[in-house]
Amino acid sequence: MATKQRARVVLDRTKAHVRYRYVCPHGHIDWDQTNNHIWCRGCRRQAENGDDVDPEHRELVDKKTSEVIPWERIEIVVPEPEEREADA
């Protein structure tokens, strides 16, 4: 029996609503893409202040649906400057 492949999630982080919707597992919006995972500045700051938090994650959380999305399903797109929409 074949399992259903989940769709890729395409993120354009130049849009504010996307930055606020997809967060690290600890709820931070200030994460960046690395080679094969995300790295979160907010988690790094917590770790520097003594919390037992790893700034490297292999999943994001969709705050709208509460879905945990593995890194393998995420695609970050960066549109050309002339294609970017102004945030309202």
N, C-alpha and C. Protein backbone atom coordinates (compact mmCIF):
# COMPACT_ATOMS: atom_id res chain seq x y z
N MET A 1 0.85 -1.17 0.00
CA MET A 1 0.00 0.00 0.00
C MET A 1 0.90 1.25 0.00
N ALA A 2 0.74 2.10 -0.98
CA ALA A 2 1.55 3.32 -1.10
C ALA A 2 1.02 4.40 -0.17
N THR A 3 1.96 5.14 0.40
CA THR A 3 1.55 6.25 1.25
C THR A 3 1.42 7.50 0.40
N LYS A 4 0.52 8.36 0.77
CA LYS A 4 0.28 9.59 0.03
C LYS A 4 1.42 10.58 0.30
N GLN A 5 2.03 11.10 -0.77
CA GLN A 5 3.10 12.08 -0.65
C GLN A 5 2.48 13.45 -0.36
N ARG A 6 2.92 14.11 0.68
CA ARG A 6 2.41 15.42 1.03
C ARG A 6 3.02 16.46 0.11
N ALA A 7 2.28 17.50 -0.20
CA ALA A 7 2.72 18.55 -1.11
C ALA A 7 3.82 19.39 -0.49
N ARG A 8 4.67 19.92 -1.35
CA ARG A 8 5.71 20.84 -0.91
C ARG A 8 5.06 22.13 -0.46
N VAL A 9 5.69 22.79 0.49
CA VAL A 9 5.23 24.09 0.97
C VAL A 9 6.23 25.12 0.46
N VAL A 10 5.76 26.03 -0.39
CA VAL A 10 6.61 27.03 -1.01
C VAL A 10 6.46 28.33 -0.22
N LEU A 11 7.59 28.85 0.30
CA LEU A 11 7.57 30.05 1.14
C LEU A 11 8.32 31.19 0.47
N ASP A 12 7.66 32.34 0.38
CA ASP A 12 8.30 33.58 -0.07
C ASP A 12 8.42 34.45 1.17
N ARG A 13 9.59 34.45 1.79
CA ARG A 13 9.78 35.16 3.05
C ARG A 13 9.90 36.66 2.89
N THR A 14 9.79 37.18 1.67
CA THR A 14 9.76 38.63 1.50
C THR A 14 8.39 39.17 1.88
N LYS A 15 7.42 38.29 2.05
CA LYS A 15 6.06 38.70 2.43
C LYS A 15 5.88 38.55 3.94
N ALA A 16 5.44 39.61 4.58
CA ALA A 16 5.31 39.62 6.05
C ALA A 16 4.38 38.51 6.55
N HIS A 17 3.25 38.30 5.87
CA HIS A 17 2.32 37.28 6.37
C HIS A 17 2.93 35.89 6.34
N VAL A 18 3.86 35.63 5.43
CA VAL A 18 4.55 34.34 5.39
C VAL A 18 5.55 34.24 6.53
N ARG A 19 6.28 35.32 6.78
CA ARG A 19 7.27 35.31 7.88
C ARG A 19 6.59 35.05 9.22
N TYR A 20 5.42 35.60 9.43
CA TYR A 20 4.73 35.43 10.71
C TYR A 20 3.95 34.12 10.80
N ARG A 21 3.62 33.51 9.67
CA ARG A 21 2.83 32.27 9.69
C ARG A 21 3.69 31.04 9.97
N TYR A 22 4.88 30.98 9.39
CA TYR A 22 5.74 29.80 9.52
C TYR A 22 6.85 30.09 10.51
N VAL A 23 6.83 29.37 11.63
CA VAL A 23 7.74 29.65 12.74
C VAL A 23 8.54 28.40 13.10
N CYS A 24 9.61 28.62 13.86
CA CYS A 24 10.38 27.47 14.37
C CYS A 24 9.51 26.75 15.41
N PRO A 25 9.90 25.55 15.84
CA PRO A 25 9.11 24.82 16.83
C PRO A 25 8.92 25.56 18.16
N HIS A 26 9.72 26.60 18.40
CA HIS A 26 9.58 27.38 19.64
C HIS A 26 8.82 28.68 19.40
N GLY A 27 8.30 28.88 18.18
CA GLY A 27 7.45 30.03 17.89
C GLY A 27 8.17 31.26 17.38
N HIS A 28 9.44 31.17 17.06
CA HIS A 28 10.19 32.34 16.58
C HIS A 28 10.05 32.51 15.07
N ILE A 29 10.03 33.77 14.63
CA ILE A 29 9.95 34.06 13.19
C ILE A 29 11.31 34.37 12.59
N ASP A 30 12.33 34.51 13.40
CA ASP A 30 13.63 34.96 12.92
C ASP A 30 14.58 33.79 12.62
N TRP A 31 14.13 32.89 11.77
CA TRP A 31 14.94 31.75 11.36
C TRP A 31 15.45 31.97 9.94
N ASP A 32 16.53 31.26 9.61
CA ASP A 32 17.13 31.34 8.28
C ASP A 32 17.36 29.94 7.74
N GLN A 33 17.34 29.85 6.44
CA GLN A 33 17.62 28.60 5.75
C GLN A 33 19.12 28.33 5.76
N THR A 34 19.50 27.09 6.03
CA THR A 34 20.90 26.67 5.91
C THR A 34 20.94 25.54 4.88
N ASN A 35 22.00 24.80 4.82
CA ASN A 35 22.13 23.75 3.81
C ASN A 35 21.01 22.72 3.87
N ASN A 36 20.75 22.19 5.04
CA ASN A 36 19.76 21.11 5.13
C ASN A 36 18.84 21.23 6.34
N HIS A 37 18.72 22.43 6.87
CA HIS A 37 17.84 22.65 8.02
C HIS A 37 17.64 24.16 8.19
N ILE A 38 16.94 24.54 9.25
CA ILE A 38 16.82 25.97 9.56
C ILE A 38 17.61 26.26 10.82
N TRP A 39 18.03 27.50 10.93
CA TRP A 39 18.76 27.98 12.10
C TRP A 39 18.01 29.19 12.63
N CYS A 40 17.71 29.20 13.91
CA CYS A 40 16.85 30.23 14.49
C CYS A 40 17.64 31.15 15.43
N ARG A 41 17.59 32.44 15.14
CA ARG A 41 18.26 33.43 15.99
C ARG A 41 17.63 33.49 17.39
N GLY A 42 16.30 33.43 17.44
CA GLY A 42 15.62 33.48 18.72
C GLY A 42 16.01 32.33 19.63
N CYS A 43 16.10 31.14 19.07
CA CYS A 43 16.53 29.98 19.87
C CYS A 43 17.98 30.13 20.30
N ARG A 44 18.82 30.67 19.42
CA ARG A 44 20.23 30.89 19.80
C ARG A 44 20.32 31.85 20.98
N ARG A 45 19.52 32.92 20.95
CA ARG A 45 19.53 33.87 22.06
C ARG A 45 19.08 33.19 23.35
N GLN A 46 18.06 32.35 23.26
CA GLN A 46 17.60 31.62 24.44
C GLN A 46 18.71 30.73 24.99
N ALA A 47 19.41 30.03 24.08
CA ALA A 47 20.50 29.14 24.51
C ALA A 47 21.62 29.93 25.16
N GLU A 48 21.94 31.10 24.61
CA GLU A 48 22.98 31.94 25.20
C GLU A 48 22.61 32.43 26.59
N ASN A 49 21.32 32.49 26.86
CA ASN A 49 20.84 32.94 28.17
C ASN A 49 20.55 31.78 29.12
N GLY A 50 21.05 30.59 28.78
CA GLY A 50 20.96 29.47 29.71
C GLY A 50 19.84 28.48 29.47
N ASP A 51 18.94 28.74 28.52
CA ASP A 51 17.87 27.77 28.24
C ASP A 51 18.42 26.59 27.45
N ASP A 52 17.85 25.42 27.67
CA ASP A 52 18.27 24.22 26.96
C ASP A 52 17.51 24.16 25.63
N VAL A 53 17.96 24.99 24.67
CA VAL A 53 17.28 25.12 23.38
C VAL A 53 18.33 24.97 22.28
N ASP A 54 18.04 24.16 21.29
CA ASP A 54 18.92 23.99 20.13
C ASP A 54 18.44 24.94 19.03
N PRO A 55 19.31 25.78 18.46
CA PRO A 55 18.88 26.71 17.41
C PRO A 55 18.72 26.07 16.05
N GLU A 56 19.09 24.80 15.90
CA GLU A 56 18.95 24.11 14.63
C GLU A 56 17.71 23.24 14.65
N HIS A 57 16.89 23.37 13.60
CA HIS A 57 15.63 22.62 13.50
C HIS A 57 15.51 22.02 12.12
N ARG A 58 14.75 20.95 12.03
CA ARG A 58 14.49 20.30 10.75
C ARG A 58 13.00 20.28 10.45
N GLU A 59 12.30 21.25 11.02
CA GLU A 59 10.86 21.38 10.77
C GLU A 59 10.41 22.79 11.13
N LEU A 60 9.32 23.20 10.53
CA LEU A 60 8.67 24.47 10.85
C LEU A 60 7.25 24.18 11.28
N VAL A 61 6.61 25.15 11.91
CA VAL A 61 5.22 25.02 12.32
C VAL A 61 4.40 26.07 11.59
N ASP A 62 3.31 25.63 10.98
CA ASP A 62 2.37 26.54 10.33
C ASP A 62 1.40 27.00 11.41
N LYS A 63 1.51 28.26 11.83
CA LYS A 63 0.66 28.75 12.93
C LYS A 63 -0.81 28.76 12.55
N LYS A 64 -1.13 28.86 11.27
CA LYS A 64 -2.53 28.90 10.84
C LYS A 64 -3.21 27.54 11.02
N THR A 65 -2.49 26.46 10.71
CA THR A 65 -3.09 25.13 10.76
C THR A 65 -2.53 24.25 11.88
N SER A 66 -1.47 24.70 12.56
CA SER A 66 -0.75 23.95 13.59
C SER A 66 -0.01 22.74 13.03
N GLU A 67 0.12 22.65 11.71
CA GLU A 67 0.83 21.54 11.09
C GLU A 67 2.34 21.68 11.30
N VAL A 68 2.98 20.59 11.65
CA VAL A 68 4.43 20.54 11.73
C VAL A 68 4.92 20.05 10.37
N ILE A 69 5.75 20.87 9.72
CA ILE A 69 6.18 20.59 8.35
C ILE A 69 7.66 20.23 8.35
N PRO A 70 7.99 19.01 7.92
CA PRO A 70 9.40 18.62 7.87
C PRO A 70 10.15 19.43 6.81
N TRP A 71 11.42 19.66 7.06
CA TRP A 71 12.26 20.48 6.17
C TRP A 71 12.26 19.96 4.73
N GLU A 72 12.14 18.66 4.55
CA GLU A 72 12.17 18.07 3.22
C GLU A 72 11.01 18.56 2.35
N ARG A 73 9.94 19.03 2.96
CA ARG A 73 8.77 19.49 2.20
C ARG A 73 8.78 21.00 1.97
N ILE A 74 9.76 21.70 2.49
CA ILE A 74 9.78 23.16 2.42
C ILE A 74 10.69 23.63 1.30
N GLU A 75 10.19 24.59 0.52
CA GLU A 75 10.98 25.23 -0.53
C GLU A 75 10.91 26.73 -0.31
N ILE A 76 12.07 27.35 -0.17
CA ILE A 76 12.15 28.80 0.01
C ILE A 76 12.39 29.42 -1.37
N VAL A 77 11.55 30.37 -1.75
CA VAL A 77 11.74 31.07 -3.02
C VAL A 77 12.09 32.53 -2.73
N VAL A 78 12.94 33.07 -3.56
CA VAL A 78 13.32 34.47 -3.44
C VAL A 78 13.02 35.12 -4.78
N PRO A 79 11.93 35.89 -4.88
CA PRO A 79 11.59 36.51 -6.15
C PRO A 79 12.57 37.63 -6.49
N GLU A 80 12.65 37.92 -7.78
CA GLU A 80 13.45 39.05 -8.23
C GLU A 80 12.88 40.32 -7.64
N PRO A 81 13.69 41.34 -7.39
CA PRO A 81 13.19 42.58 -6.76
C PRO A 81 11.95 43.18 -7.46
N GLU A 82 11.91 43.13 -8.77
CA GLU A 82 10.77 43.72 -9.47
C GLU A 82 9.50 42.88 -9.35
N GLU A 83 9.63 41.61 -8.88
CA GLU A 83 8.48 40.73 -8.70
C GLU A 83 7.94 40.76 -7.29
N ARG A 84 8.64 41.39 -6.37
CA ARG A 84 8.22 41.38 -4.98
C ARG A 84 7.05 42.32 -4.77
N GLU A 85 6.11 41.85 -3.94
CA GLU A 85 4.96 42.66 -3.60
C GLU A 85 5.29 43.49 -2.37
N ALA A 86 4.81 44.72 -2.36
CA ALA A 86 4.99 45.56 -1.17
C ALA A 86 4.04 45.08 -0.09
N ASP A 87 4.58 44.95 1.14
CA ASP A 87 3.72 44.56 2.27
C ASP A 87 2.84 45.73 2.64
N ALA A 88 1.57 45.43 2.85
CA ALA A 88 0.63 46.49 3.23
C ALA A 88 0.60 46.68 4.71
